Amino acid sequence: MQPLASFDHSMRSRHQIQHNIETFDDRRQSTLGLRQAAVAVTVFAYNQSAAIIVTRRSTKLKEHKGQWAMPGGRIDQGEDAITAALRELHEEVNLELDETHVLGTLDDYVTRSGYVITPVVVWSDQHADELKPNPDEVESIHPFTFDELSRTDSPNLESIPQSDKLVLSMNYLDDVIYSPTAAMLYQFREVAIRARSTRVLDYDQPVFAWS
């Protein structure tokens, strides 16, 4: 299959995205001394187009309050990454899906705060008005449309004195989303949409996300 010139929310797009992910050699990382987490990179319908669900984390949370994120969290005992991502998707935005909606996984991303995050790509036929934020975890739900995701001015790569790696971020409307969320969004764009074998593990996070 060749990359599509454009993606809408259709079965053709779903098959293309799944094919691109399945032919990508996704990589797992060692979890020794780290906590395991999973994130749902969820494609859903928005204004007759396709978008990724992004959220504003609640200001009530102890960690990373108010930051941009995708539904996700720790992998509980007895769970794998897929089970955890689907559970978190239901808990955070009221979207209940099963494993038949999973298109595959992207590379693990190791965070400065001690997590190994597995991004699980999920397809949903629900529309934006069917999603409801859990106020204990999510302030609001937003669509990161594929058109927005494909902007030529993203990603941004920034040098910081605290790291020898570049910090990666993605422009979103009039704001900026930083890694780890940005790294996973960028890899989804490159792998799932553009059919490129792009790695993101060597991109860093801003200092405010290190703890």
C-alpha atoms as a PDB file:
ATOM      1  CA  MET A   1       0.000   0.000   0.000  1.00  0.00           C
ATOM      2  CA  GLN A   2       1.052   3.561  -0.695  1.00  0.00           C
ATOM      3  CA  PRO A   3       0.423   6.418   1.779  1.00  0.00           C
ATOM      4  CA  LEU A   4      -2.885   8.178   1.177  1.00  0.00           C
ATOM      5  CA  ALA A   5      -2.765  11.760  -0.048  1.00  0.00           C
ATOM      6  CA  SER A   6      -5.330  12.597   2.650  1.00  0.00           C
ATOM      7  CA  PHE A   7      -7.094  10.745   5.446  1.00  0.00           C
ATOM      8  CA  ASP A   8     -10.747  10.920   6.375  1.00  0.00           C
ATOM      9  CA  HIS A   9     -12.636   8.878   8.956  1.00  0.00           C
ATOM     10  CA  SER A  10     -13.377   5.912   6.701  1.00  0.00           C
ATOM     11  CA  MET A  11     -12.695   2.193   6.507  1.00  0.00           C
ATOM     12  CA  ARG A  12     -10.155   2.871   3.769  1.00  0.00           C
ATOM     13  CA  SER A  13      -8.218   5.131   6.135  1.00  0.00           C
ATOM     14  CA  ARG A  14      -8.516   2.606   8.949  1.00  0.00           C
ATOM     15  CA  HIS A  15      -7.074  -0.165   6.782  1.00  0.00           C
ATOM     16  CA  GLN A  16      -4.254   2.099   5.576  1.00  0.00           C
ATOM     17  CA  ILE A  17      -3.312   3.177   9.094  1.00  0.00           C
ATOM     18  CA  GLN A  18      -3.408  -0.404  10.359  1.00  0.00           C
ATOM     19  CA  HIS A  19      -1.270  -1.596   7.463  1.00  0.00           C
ATOM     20  CA  ASN A  20       1.319   1.129   8.087  1.00  0.00           C
ATOM     21  CA  ILE A  21       1.509   0.277  11.794  1.00  0.00           C
ATOM     22  CA  GLU A  22       1.661  -3.477  11.246  1.00  0.00           C
ATOM     23  CA  THR A  23       4.584  -3.124   8.839  1.00  0.00           C
ATOM     24  CA  PHE A  24       6.445  -0.884  11.327  1.00  0.00           C
ATOM     25  CA  ASP A  25       8.952  -2.624  13.617  1.00  0.00           C
ATOM     26  CA  ASP A  26       7.796  -1.186  16.936  1.00  0.00           C
ATOM     27  CA  ARG A  27      10.255  -1.480  19.807  1.00  0.00           C
ATOM     28  CA  ARG A  28       9.795  -2.267  23.481  1.00  0.00           C
ATOM     29  CA  GLN A  29      12.151  -0.902  26.164  1.00  0.00           C
ATOM     30  CA  SER A  30      13.468  -2.412  29.374  1.00  0.00           C
ATOM     31  CA  THR A  31      11.203  -1.770  32.365  1.00  0.00           C
ATOM     32  CA  LEU A  32      13.903  -2.517  34.941  1.00  0.00           C
ATOM     33  CA  GLY A  33      13.537   0.021  37.738  1.00  0.00           C
ATOM     34  CA  LEU A  34      10.745   1.842  35.892  1.00  0.00           C
ATOM     35  CA  ARG A  35       6.963   1.892  36.045  1.00  0.00           C
ATOM     36  CA  GLN A  36       4.902   0.725  33.080  1.00  0.00           C
ATOM     37  CA  ALA A  37       2.171   2.830  31.503  1.00  0.00           C
ATOM     38  CA  ALA A  38       0.078   2.834  28.357  1.00  0.00           C
ATOM     39  CA  VAL A  39      -1.521   5.582  26.286  1.00  0.00           C
ATOM     40  CA  ALA A  40      -4.435   5.318  23.853  1.00  0.00           C
ATOM     41  CA  VAL A  41      -3.656   7.126  20.586  1.00  0.00           C
ATOM     42  CA  THR A  42      -7.298   7.180  19.529  1.00  0.00           C
ATOM     43  CA  VAL A  43      -8.536   8.035  16.039  1.00  0.00           C
ATOM     44  CA  PHE A  44     -12.133   9.290  16.069  1.00  0.00           C
ATOM     45  CA  ALA A  45     -14.569  11.211  13.855  1.00  0.00           C
ATOM     46  CA  TYR A  46     -14.603  14.998  14.007  1.00  0.00           C
ATOM     47  CA  ASN A  47     -16.478  17.212  11.530  1.00  0.00           C
ATOM     48  CA  GLN A  48     -16.469  14.537   8.814  1.00  0.00           C
ATOM     49  CA  SER A  49     -12.729  14.143   9.234  1.00  0.00           C
ATOM     50  CA  ALA A  50     -10.309  12.153  11.384  1.00  0.00           C
ATOM     51  CA  ALA A  51      -8.666  13.374  14.582  1.00  0.00           C
ATOM     52  CA  ILE A  52      -6.742  12.144  17.623  1.00  0.00           C
ATOM     53  CA  ILE A  53      -8.232  12.531  21.090  1.00  0.00           C
ATOM     54  CA  VAL A  54      -6.117  14.854  23.248  1.00  0.00           C
ATOM     55  CA  THR A  55      -7.037  16.058  26.711  1.00  0.00           C
ATOM     56  CA  ARG A  56      -6.192  18.731  29.221  1.00  0.00           C
ATOM     57  CA  ARG A  57      -5.285  17.004  32.457  1.00  0.00           C
ATOM     58  CA  SER A  58      -7.238  18.094  35.510  1.00  0.00           C
ATOM     59  CA  THR A  59      -5.668  20.682  37.786  1.00  0.00           C
ATOM     60  CA  LYS A  60      -6.680  18.394  40.681  1.00  0.00           C
ATOM     61  CA  LEU A  61      -4.057  15.795  39.763  1.00  0.00           C
ATOM     62  CA  LYS A  62      -0.801  15.485  41.695  1.00  0.00           C
ATOM     63  CA  GLU A  63       1.378  14.934  38.618  1.00  0.00           C
ATOM     64  CA  HIS A  64       1.508  16.917  35.360  1.00  0.00           C
ATOM     65  CA  LYS A  65      -1.606  18.891  36.240  1.00  0.00           C
ATOM     66  CA  GLY A  66      -3.112  20.992  33.446  1.00  0.00           C
ATOM     67  CA  GLN A  67      -0.800  19.567  30.770  1.00  0.00           C
ATOM     68  CA  TRP A  68      -1.786  18.228  27.356  1.00  0.00           C
ATOM     69  CA  ALA A  69      -2.053  14.439  27.252  1.00  0.00           C
ATOM     70  CA  MET A  70      -3.776  11.464  25.671  1.00  0.00           C
ATOM     71  CA  PRO A  71      -5.911   9.038  27.698  1.00  0.00           C
ATOM     72  CA  GLY A  72      -3.602   6.721  29.587  1.00  0.00           C
ATOM     73  CA  GLY A  73      -1.981   5.749  32.843  1.00  0.00           C
ATOM     74  CA  ARG A  74      -0.239   3.022  34.776  1.00  0.00           C
ATOM     75  CA  ILE A  75      -0.517  -0.610  33.763  1.00  0.00           C
ATOM     76  CA  ASP A  76      -2.116  -2.413  36.697  1.00  0.00           C
ATOM     77  CA  GLN A  77      -1.107  -5.860  37.904  1.00  0.00           C
ATOM     78  CA  GLY A  78      -2.468  -8.515  35.563  1.00  0.00           C
ATOM     79  CA  GLU A  79      -2.869  -6.085  32.651  1.00  0.00           C
ATOM     80  CA  ASP A  80      -0.942  -5.673  29.436  1.00  0.00           C
ATOM     81  CA  ALA A  81      -0.520  -2.365  27.584  1.00  0.00           C
ATOM     82  CA  ILE A  82      -3.592  -2.859  25.393  1.00  0.00           C
ATOM     83  CA  THR A  83      -5.877  -3.710  28.308  1.00  0.00           C
ATOM     84  CA  ALA A  84      -4.598  -0.738  30.289  1.00  0.00           C
ATOM     85  CA  ALA A  85      -4.973   1.719  27.405  1.00  0.00           C
ATOM     86  CA  LEU A  86      -8.564   0.626  26.754  1.00  0.00           C
ATOM     87  CA  ARG A  87      -9.411   0.842  30.466  1.00  0.00           C
ATOM     88  CA  GLU A  88      -7.944   4.336  30.760  1.00  0.00           C
ATOM     89  CA  LEU A  89      -9.805   5.418  27.628  1.00  0.00           C
ATOM     90  CA  HIS A  90     -13.078   4.383  29.243  1.00  0.00           C
ATOM     91  CA  GLU A  91     -12.225   5.895  32.618  1.00  0.00           C
ATOM     92  CA  GLU A  92     -11.015   9.246  31.302  1.00  0.00           C
ATOM     93  CA  VAL A  93     -13.302  10.067  28.362  1.00  0.00           C
ATOM     94  CA  ASN A  94     -16.191   7.576  28.619  1.00  0.00           C
ATOM     95  CA  LEU A  95     -15.172   5.687  25.490  1.00  0.00           C
ATOM     96  CA  GLU A  96     -15.613   1.910  25.883  1.00  0.00           C
ATOM     97  CA  LEU A  97     -13.891  -0.159  23.189  1.00  0.00           C
ATOM     98  CA  ASP A  98     -12.538  -3.694  22.939  1.00  0.00           C
ATOM     99  CA  GLU A  99      -9.434  -5.186  21.355  1.00  0.00           C
ATOM    100  CA  THR A 100     -11.052  -5.374  17.911  1.00  0.00           C
ATOM    101  CA  HIS A 101     -10.576  -1.586  17.753  1.00  0.00           C
ATOM    102  CA  VAL A 102      -6.809  -1.798  18.345  1.00  0.00           C
ATOM    103  CA  LEU A 103      -4.690  -1.143  15.230  1.00  0.00           C
ATOM    104  CA  GLY A 104      -1.297  -1.806  16.800  1.00  0.00           C
ATOM    105  CA  THR A 105       1.401  -0.225  18.948  1.00  0.00           C
ATOM    106  CA  LEU A 106       4.177   2.310  18.455  1.00  0.00           C
ATOM    107  CA  ASP A 107       7.598   2.491  20.129  1.00  0.00           C
ATOM    108  CA  ASP A 108       7.857   2.638  23.898  1.00  0.00           C
ATOM    109  CA  TYR A 109       8.856   6.047  25.221  1.00  0.00           C
ATOM    110  CA  VAL A 110      10.887   6.340  28.436  1.00  0.00           C
ATOM    111  CA  THR A 111      10.044   9.434  30.483  1.00  0.00           C
ATOM    112  CA  ARG A 112      12.165  11.482  32.851  1.00  0.00           C
ATOM    113  CA  SER A 113       9.624  10.786  35.610  1.00  0.00           C
ATOM    114  CA  GLY A 114      10.367   7.054  35.547  1.00  0.00           C
ATOM    115  CA  TYR A 115       7.784   5.526  33.204  1.00  0.00           C
ATOM    116  CA  VAL A 116       7.989   3.337  30.140  1.00  0.00           C
ATOM    117  CA  ILE A 117       4.939   4.300  28.073  1.00  0.00           C
ATOM    118  CA  THR A 118       3.525   2.046  25.345  1.00  0.00           C
ATOM    119  CA  PRO A 119       1.364   3.933  22.806  1.00  0.00           C
ATOM    120  CA  VAL A 120      -1.604   1.815  21.683  1.00  0.00           C
ATOM    121  CA  VAL A 121      -3.284   3.008  18.479  1.00  0.00           C
ATOM    122  CA  VAL A 122      -7.066   2.629  18.626  1.00  0.00           C
ATOM    123  CA  TRP A 123      -9.831   3.245  16.067  1.00  0.00           C
ATOM    124  CA  SER A 124     -13.196   4.580  17.236  1.00  0.00           C
ATOM    125  CA  ASP A 125     -16.415   5.240  15.305  1.00  0.00           C
ATOM    126  CA  GLN A 126     -17.682   7.600  17.996  1.00  0.00           C
ATOM    127  CA  HIS A 127     -18.004  11.324  17.403  1.00  0.00           C
ATOM    128  CA  ALA A 128     -16.751  14.138  19.608  1.00  0.00           C
ATOM    129  CA  ASP A 129     -20.145  14.849  21.182  1.00  0.00           C
ATOM    130  CA  GLU A 130     -20.271  11.300  22.563  1.00  0.00           C
ATOM    131  CA  LEU A 131     -17.152  11.795  24.708  1.00  0.00           C
ATOM    132  CA  LYS A 132     -17.418  12.930  28.327  1.00  0.00           C
ATOM    133  CA  PRO A 133     -14.434  13.909  30.499  1.00  0.00           C
ATOM    134  CA  ASN A 134     -13.990  12.359  33.911  1.00  0.00           C
ATOM    135  CA  PRO A 135     -13.632  15.534  36.007  1.00  0.00           C
ATOM    136  CA  ASP A 136     -11.277  13.823  38.473  1.00  0.00           C
ATOM    137  CA  GLU A 137      -8.706  13.281  35.716  1.00  0.00           C
ATOM    138  CA  VAL A 138      -9.610  15.323  32.643  1.00  0.00           C
ATOM    139  CA  GLU A 139     -10.367  19.032  32.402  1.00  0.00           C
ATOM    140  CA  SER A 140     -11.477  18.918  28.758  1.00  0.00           C
ATOM    141  CA  ILE A 141     -11.369  16.836  25.561  1.00  0.00           C
ATOM    142  CA  HIS A 142     -10.060  18.168  22.237  1.00  0.00           C
ATOM    143  CA  PRO A 143      -9.642  16.947  18.635  1.00  0.00           C
ATOM    144  CA  PHE A 144      -6.143  17.046  17.156  1.00  0.00           C
ATOM    145  CA  THR A 145      -7.227  16.782  13.518  1.00  0.00           C
ATOM    146  CA  PHE A 146      -5.082  15.044  10.945  1.00  0.00           C
ATOM    147  CA  ASP A 147      -4.841  18.348   9.049  1.00  0.00           C
ATOM    148  CA  GLU A 148      -3.495  20.019  12.182  1.00  0.00           C
ATOM    149  CA  LEU A 149      -1.208  17.064  12.868  1.00  0.00           C
ATOM    150  CA  SER A 150       0.312  17.366   9.386  1.00  0.00           C
ATOM    151  CA  ARG A 151       1.292  21.026   9.715  1.00  0.00           C
ATOM    152  CA  THR A 152       4.677  21.671   8.139  1.00  0.00           C
ATOM    153  CA  ASP A 153       5.820  23.805  11.103  1.00  0.00           C
ATOM    154  CA  SER A 154       5.866  20.766  13.418  1.00  0.00           C
ATOM    155  CA  PRO A 155       7.722  19.263  15.117  1.00  0.00           C
ATOM    156  CA  ASN A 156       9.742  21.891  16.939  1.00  0.00           C
ATOM    157  CA  LEU A 157      13.201  20.813  18.113  1.00  0.00           C
ATOM    158  CA  GLU A 158      14.754  22.801  20.947  1.00  0.00           C
ATOM    159  CA  SER A 159      18.107  22.635  22.709  1.00  0.00           C
ATOM    160  CA  ILE A 160      18.164  23.041  26.485  1.00  0.00           C
ATOM    161  CA  PRO A 161      21.201  23.290  28.811  1.00  0.00           C
ATOM    162  CA  GLN A 162      19.933  20.457  31.037  1.00  0.00           C
ATOM    163  CA  SER A 163      20.087  17.797  28.303  1.00  0.00           C
ATOM    164  CA  ASP A 164      22.220  16.689  25.380  1.00  0.00           C
ATOM    165  CA  LYS A 165      19.039  15.632  23.566  1.00  0.00           C
ATOM    166  CA  LEU A 166      16.669  17.866  21.626  1.00  0.00           C
ATOM    167  CA  VAL A 167      13.271  18.590  23.162  1.00  0.00           C
ATOM    168  CA  LEU A 168      10.436  17.787  20.743  1.00  0.00           C
ATOM    169  CA  SER A 169       7.099  19.595  20.673  1.00  0.00           C
ATOM    170  CA  MET A 170       4.141  19.843  18.291  1.00  0.00           C
ATOM    171  CA  ASN A 171       2.202  23.001  17.479  1.00  0.00           C
ATOM    172  CA  TYR A 172      -1.499  22.707  18.249  1.00  0.00           C
ATOM    173  CA  LEU A 173      -3.813  25.566  17.303  1.00  0.00           C
ATOM    174  CA  ASP A 174      -2.374  28.539  19.207  1.00  0.00           C
ATOM    175  CA  ASP A 175      -0.556  26.378  21.766  1.00  0.00           C
ATOM    176  CA  VAL A 176       2.288  23.846  21.954  1.00  0.00           C
ATOM    177  CA  ILE A 177       2.182  20.215  23.106  1.00  0.00           C
ATOM    178  CA  TYR A 178       5.443  18.875  24.538  1.00  0.00           C
ATOM    179  CA  SER A 179       6.851  15.371  24.814  1.00  0.00           C
ATOM    180  CA  PRO A 180       6.119  12.689  25.816  1.00  0.00           C
ATOM    181  CA  THR A 181       2.678  13.359  24.278  1.00  0.00           C
ATOM    182  CA  ALA A 182       4.234  15.259  21.376  1.00  0.00           C
ATOM    183  CA  ALA A 183       6.733  12.485  20.643  1.00  0.00           C
ATOM    184  CA  MET A 184       3.927   9.932  20.373  1.00  0.00           C
ATOM    185  CA  LEU A 185       1.790  12.220  18.206  1.00  0.00           C
ATOM    186  CA  TYR A 186       4.752  12.872  15.935  1.00  0.00           C
ATOM    187  CA  GLN A 187       5.575   9.178  15.607  1.00  0.00           C
ATOM    188  CA  PHE A 188       1.930   8.390  14.862  1.00  0.00           C
ATOM    189  CA  ARG A 189       1.981  10.966  12.072  1.00  0.00           C
ATOM    190  CA  GLU A 190       5.190   9.643  10.579  1.00  0.00           C
ATOM    191  CA  VAL A 191       4.393   5.931  10.891  1.00  0.00           C
ATOM    192  CA  ALA A 192       0.607   5.685  10.543  1.00  0.00           C
ATOM    193  CA  ILE A 193      -0.025   8.504   8.075  1.00  0.00           C
ATOM    194  CA  ARG A 194       3.244   8.893   6.168  1.00  0.00           C
ATOM    195  CA  ALA A 195       4.435   5.267   6.342  1.00  0.00           C
ATOM    196  CA  ARG A 196       7.888   6.234   7.603  1.00  0.00           C
ATOM    197  CA  SER A 197      10.032   4.307  10.111  1.00  0.00           C
ATOM    198  CA  THR A 198      10.620   7.297  12.379  1.00  0.00           C
ATOM    199  CA  ARG A 199      11.989   6.849  15.929  1.00  0.00           C
ATOM    200  CA  VAL A 200      11.376   9.261  18.801  1.00  0.00           C
ATOM    201  CA  LEU A 201      13.049   7.708  21.861  1.00  0.00           C
ATOM    202  CA  ASP A 202      16.051  10.036  21.595  1.00  0.00           C
ATOM    203  CA  TYR A 203      13.929  13.180  21.862  1.00  0.00           C
ATOM    204  CA  ASP A 204      13.678  14.699  25.323  1.00  0.00           C
ATOM    205  CA  GLN A 205      11.005  16.380  27.408  1.00  0.00           C
ATOM    206  CA  PRO A 206      11.019  19.939  28.763  1.00  0.00           C
ATOM    207  CA  VAL A 207      12.316  20.330  32.308  1.00  0.00           C
ATOM    208  CA  PHE A 208       8.846  21.018  33.742  1.00  0.00           C
ATOM    209  CA  ALA A 209       7.814  17.469  32.741  1.00  0.00           C
ATOM    210  CA  TRP A 210      10.764  15.742  34.402  1.00  0.00           C
ATOM    211  CA  SER A 211       9.095  15.210  37.778  1.00  0.00           C
END
